[in-house]
């Protein structure tokens, strides 16, 4: 019985260590916005729109608040490693309108997709490498 009690105590002491470990969130932007999901409305009279290819992922970053706020953040650090660029963002302090991830598509980020991140995220790193399509980037996102 004493042995069993020691095991329960040990488990009770160790379990909180595992539950308080840093939470790492991995996010992934969709690689593209399909051409079939893009539409042009109210084009000038006499013109016929045609969208022949998807828009490819070109950039990603955390933003302060929902996309319409345009709360672009500046990276706190940038480094290059093995032909890849890594941008770091510190997300400490208050974000009353939430922390969001914004994924940008097209050569100049003409279209964005955004989603809210957990309020506990305090650091994100974005690792960029050139994609196969013109203007495309493959981006790994690591937030914690």
C-alpha atoms as a PDB file:
ATOM      1  CA  UNK A   1       0.000   0.000   0.000  1.00  0.00           C
ATOM      2  CA  UNK A   2       2.849   2.407   0.854  1.00  0.00           C
ATOM      3  CA  UNK A   3       4.443   1.713  -2.555  1.00  0.00           C
ATOM      4  CA  UNK A   4       1.150   2.524  -4.300  1.00  0.00           C
ATOM      5  CA  UNK A   5       0.849   5.787  -2.332  1.00  0.00           C
ATOM      6  CA  UNK A   6       4.377   6.831  -3.404  1.00  0.00           C
ATOM      7  CA  UNK A   7       3.542   6.164  -7.065  1.00  0.00           C
ATOM      8  CA  UNK A   8       0.387   8.266  -6.839  1.00  0.00           C
ATOM      9  CA  UNK A   9       2.312  11.090  -5.144  1.00  0.00           C
ATOM     10  CA  UNK A  10       5.076  10.928  -7.769  1.00  0.00           C
ATOM     11  CA  UNK A  11       2.511  11.026 -10.573  1.00  0.00           C
ATOM     12  CA  UNK A  12       0.792  13.968  -8.890  1.00  0.00           C
ATOM     13  CA  UNK A  13       4.096  15.844  -8.700  1.00  0.00           C
ATOM     14  CA  UNK A  14       5.161  15.125 -12.289  1.00  0.00           C
ATOM     15  CA  UNK A  15       1.827  15.694 -14.076  1.00  0.00           C
ATOM     16  CA  UNK A  16       1.761  19.496 -13.491  1.00  0.00           C
ATOM     17  CA  UNK A  17       5.217  19.751 -15.095  1.00  0.00           C
ATOM     18  CA  UNK A  18       3.840  18.256 -18.304  1.00  0.00           C
ATOM     19  CA  UNK A  19       0.670  20.325 -18.297  1.00  0.00           C
ATOM     20  CA  UNK A  20       2.568  23.617 -17.828  1.00  0.00           C
ATOM     21  CA  UNK A  21       4.977  22.984 -20.709  1.00  0.00           C
ATOM     22  CA  UNK A  22       5.064  25.669 -23.380  1.00  0.00           C
ATOM     23  CA  UNK A  23       2.307  25.208 -25.927  1.00  0.00           C
ATOM     24  CA  UNK A  24       3.523  25.336 -29.506  1.00  0.00           C
ATOM     25  CA  UNK A  25       0.979  26.045 -32.199  1.00  0.00           C
ATOM     26  CA  UNK A  26       1.709  25.178 -35.754  1.00  0.00           C
ATOM     27  CA  UNK A  27      -0.242  27.110 -38.317  1.00  0.00           C
ATOM     28  CA  UNK A  28      -0.256  26.533 -42.042  1.00  0.00           C
ATOM     29  CA  UNK A  29      -1.549  28.930 -44.647  1.00  0.00           C
ATOM     30  CA  UNK A  30      -3.300  27.336 -47.616  1.00  0.00           C
ATOM     31  CA  UNK A  31      -0.769  27.167 -50.464  1.00  0.00           C
ATOM     32  CA  UNK A  32      -3.148  28.877 -52.880  1.00  0.00           C
ATOM     33  CA  UNK A  33      -6.597  30.349 -53.394  1.00  0.00           C
ATOM     34  CA  UNK A  34      -8.242  28.306 -56.173  1.00  0.00           C
ATOM     35  CA  UNK A  35      -9.237  30.181 -59.322  1.00  0.00           C
ATOM     36  CA  UNK A  36     -12.777  28.815 -58.944  1.00  0.00           C
ATOM     37  CA  UNK A  37     -13.176  30.645 -55.614  1.00  0.00           C
ATOM     38  CA  UNK A  38     -12.228  34.037 -57.097  1.00  0.00           C
ATOM     39  CA  UNK A  39     -14.913  36.155 -58.724  1.00  0.00           C
ATOM     40  CA  UNK A  40     -15.019  39.653 -60.126  1.00  0.00           C
ATOM     41  CA  UNK A  41     -18.253  41.598 -59.728  1.00  0.00           C
ATOM     42  CA  UNK A  42     -19.349  44.894 -61.243  1.00  0.00           C
ATOM     43  CA  UNK A  43     -16.721  44.898 -64.000  1.00  0.00           C
ATOM     44  CA  UNK A  44     -16.937  47.764 -66.502  1.00  0.00           C
ATOM     45  CA  UNK A  45     -19.573  47.338 -69.211  1.00  0.00           C
ATOM     46  CA  UNK A  46     -18.364  45.397 -72.233  1.00  0.00           C
ATOM     47  CA  UNK A  47     -15.566  43.575 -70.367  1.00  0.00           C
ATOM     48  CA  UNK A  48     -15.560  39.848 -69.619  1.00  0.00           C
ATOM     49  CA  UNK A  49     -13.540  38.711 -66.598  1.00  0.00           C
ATOM     50  CA  UNK A  50     -11.438  35.561 -66.747  1.00  0.00           C
ATOM     51  CA  UNK A  51      -9.396  34.073 -63.934  1.00  0.00           C
ATOM     52  CA  UNK A  52      -7.125  31.404 -65.381  1.00  0.00           C
ATOM     53  CA  UNK A  53      -5.035  30.320 -62.401  1.00  0.00           C
ATOM     54  CA  UNK A  54      -5.019  30.260 -58.623  1.00  0.00           C
ATOM     55  CA  UNK A  55      -3.369  32.930 -56.509  1.00  0.00           C
ATOM     56  CA  UNK A  56      -0.333  31.510 -54.700  1.00  0.00           C
ATOM     57  CA  UNK A  57       0.805  32.206 -51.151  1.00  0.00           C
ATOM     58  CA  UNK A  58       3.288  35.082 -51.148  1.00  0.00           C
ATOM     59  CA  UNK A  59       3.503  36.219 -47.498  1.00  0.00           C
ATOM     60  CA  UNK A  60       2.287  35.553 -43.967  1.00  0.00           C
ATOM     61  CA  UNK A  61       2.468  37.523 -40.721  1.00  0.00           C
ATOM     62  CA  UNK A  62       0.670  38.077 -37.451  1.00  0.00           C
ATOM     63  CA  UNK A  63      -1.587  41.125 -37.318  1.00  0.00           C
ATOM     64  CA  UNK A  64      -3.120  43.132 -34.472  1.00  0.00           C
ATOM     65  CA  UNK A  65      -6.868  42.597 -34.660  1.00  0.00           C
ATOM     66  CA  UNK A  66      -9.167  41.565 -37.481  1.00  0.00           C
ATOM     67  CA  UNK A  67      -7.994  42.139 -41.088  1.00  0.00           C
ATOM     68  CA  UNK A  68     -10.117  45.242 -41.657  1.00  0.00           C
ATOM     69  CA  UNK A  69      -8.161  47.007 -38.890  1.00  0.00           C
ATOM     70  CA  UNK A  70      -5.011  46.718 -41.032  1.00  0.00           C
ATOM     71  CA  UNK A  71      -2.929  46.148 -37.880  1.00  0.00           C
ATOM     72  CA  UNK A  72       0.291  45.135 -39.654  1.00  0.00           C
ATOM     73  CA  UNK A  73       3.143  44.312 -37.281  1.00  0.00           C
ATOM     74  CA  UNK A  74       6.867  44.778 -37.845  1.00  0.00           C
ATOM     75  CA  UNK A  75       9.122  41.760 -37.309  1.00  0.00           C
ATOM     76  CA  UNK A  76      11.453  42.047 -34.337  1.00  0.00           C
ATOM     77  CA  UNK A  77      14.170  40.029 -36.015  1.00  0.00           C
ATOM     78  CA  UNK A  78      15.277  38.679 -39.383  1.00  0.00           C
ATOM     79  CA  UNK A  79      17.948  36.128 -40.157  1.00  0.00           C
ATOM     80  CA  UNK A  80      18.980  33.977 -43.096  1.00  0.00           C
ATOM     81  CA  UNK A  81      19.872  30.312 -42.775  1.00  0.00           C
ATOM     82  CA  UNK A  82      20.602  27.911 -45.651  1.00  0.00           C
ATOM     83  CA  UNK A  83      18.854  30.084 -48.220  1.00  0.00           C
ATOM     84  CA  UNK A  84      15.789  30.601 -46.053  1.00  0.00           C
ATOM     85  CA  UNK A  85      14.664  33.816 -44.427  1.00  0.00           C
ATOM     86  CA  UNK A  86      13.299  33.637 -40.885  1.00  0.00           C
ATOM     87  CA  UNK A  87      11.207  36.502 -39.504  1.00  0.00           C
ATOM     88  CA  UNK A  88      10.444  36.648 -35.758  1.00  0.00           C
ATOM     89  CA  UNK A  89       7.529  38.462 -34.154  1.00  0.00           C
ATOM     90  CA  UNK A  90       7.154  39.032 -30.392  1.00  0.00           C
ATOM     91  CA  UNK A  91       3.482  39.191 -29.501  1.00  0.00           C
ATOM     92  CA  UNK A  92       3.670  40.188 -25.849  1.00  0.00           C
ATOM     93  CA  UNK A  93       1.461  42.765 -24.224  1.00  0.00           C
ATOM     94  CA  UNK A  94      -2.201  43.540 -24.727  1.00  0.00           C
ATOM     95  CA  UNK A  95      -4.026  42.826 -27.963  1.00  0.00           C
ATOM     96  CA  UNK A  96      -7.606  43.865 -27.122  1.00  0.00           C
ATOM     97  CA  UNK A  97      -8.865  42.929 -30.603  1.00  0.00           C
ATOM     98  CA  UNK A  98      -6.941  39.657 -30.666  1.00  0.00           C
ATOM     99  CA  UNK A  99      -3.894  38.266 -32.426  1.00  0.00           C
ATOM    100  CA  UNK A 100      -4.536  37.123 -35.969  1.00  0.00           C
ATOM    101  CA  UNK A 101      -2.581  35.258 -38.635  1.00  0.00           C
ATOM    102  CA  UNK A 102      -2.807  36.804 -42.091  1.00  0.00           C
ATOM    103  CA  UNK A 103      -1.883  34.863 -45.250  1.00  0.00           C
ATOM    104  CA  UNK A 104      -1.395  36.937 -48.407  1.00  0.00           C
ATOM    105  CA  UNK A 105      -1.857  35.746 -51.986  1.00  0.00           C
ATOM    106  CA  UNK A 106      -0.825  37.155 -55.347  1.00  0.00           C
ATOM    107  CA  UNK A 107       2.368  38.968 -56.285  1.00  0.00           C
ATOM    108  CA  UNK A 108       1.525  41.940 -54.066  1.00  0.00           C
ATOM    109  CA  UNK A 109      -0.787  40.352 -51.494  1.00  0.00           C
ATOM    110  CA  UNK A 110      -3.924  41.352 -53.374  1.00  0.00           C
ATOM    111  CA  UNK A 111      -6.027  38.777 -51.492  1.00  0.00           C
ATOM    112  CA  UNK A 112      -5.694  37.753 -47.842  1.00  0.00           C
ATOM    113  CA  UNK A 113      -7.073  34.969 -45.686  1.00  0.00           C
ATOM    114  CA  UNK A 114      -6.946  35.520 -41.911  1.00  0.00           C
ATOM    115  CA  UNK A 115      -7.775  33.600 -38.760  1.00  0.00           C
ATOM    116  CA  UNK A 116      -7.633  34.445 -35.105  1.00  0.00           C
ATOM    117  CA  UNK A 117      -4.839  32.906 -33.030  1.00  0.00           C
ATOM    118  CA  UNK A 118      -4.980  31.953 -29.368  1.00  0.00           C
ATOM    119  CA  UNK A 119      -4.372  34.922 -27.051  1.00  0.00           C
ATOM    120  CA  UNK A 120      -1.576  32.993 -25.285  1.00  0.00           C
ATOM    121  CA  UNK A 121       0.700  33.083 -28.372  1.00  0.00           C
ATOM    122  CA  UNK A 122       3.687  35.289 -27.522  1.00  0.00           C
ATOM    123  CA  UNK A 123       6.218  34.520 -30.283  1.00  0.00           C
ATOM    124  CA  UNK A 124       5.926  33.498 -33.941  1.00  0.00           C
ATOM    125  CA  UNK A 125       8.621  32.605 -36.461  1.00  0.00           C
ATOM    126  CA  UNK A 126       7.952  32.545 -40.190  1.00  0.00           C
ATOM    127  CA  UNK A 127      10.447  30.653 -42.352  1.00  0.00           C
ATOM    128  CA  UNK A 128      10.325  31.638 -46.032  1.00  0.00           C
ATOM    129  CA  UNK A 129      11.686  29.781 -49.044  1.00  0.00           C
ATOM    130  CA  UNK A 130      10.947  30.411 -52.710  1.00  0.00           C
ATOM    131  CA  UNK A 131       8.141  28.369 -54.214  1.00  0.00           C
ATOM    132  CA  UNK A 132       7.991  26.851 -57.691  1.00  0.00           C
ATOM    133  CA  UNK A 133       5.559  29.416 -59.125  1.00  0.00           C
ATOM    134  CA  UNK A 134       6.367  33.055 -59.854  1.00  0.00           C
ATOM    135  CA  UNK A 135       5.895  35.139 -56.703  1.00  0.00           C
ATOM    136  CA  UNK A 136       5.108  32.070 -54.608  1.00  0.00           C
ATOM    137  CA  UNK A 137       6.702  31.454 -51.215  1.00  0.00           C
ATOM    138  CA  UNK A 138       6.530  28.343 -49.080  1.00  0.00           C
ATOM    139  CA  UNK A 139       6.186  29.462 -45.477  1.00  0.00           C
ATOM    140  CA  UNK A 140       6.551  27.435 -42.292  1.00  0.00           C
ATOM    141  CA  UNK A 141       4.876  29.045 -39.281  1.00  0.00           C
ATOM    142  CA  UNK A 142       5.862  28.240 -35.703  1.00  0.00           C
ATOM    143  CA  UNK A 143       4.045  30.049 -32.884  1.00  0.00           C
ATOM    144  CA  UNK A 144       4.332  29.538 -29.145  1.00  0.00           C
END
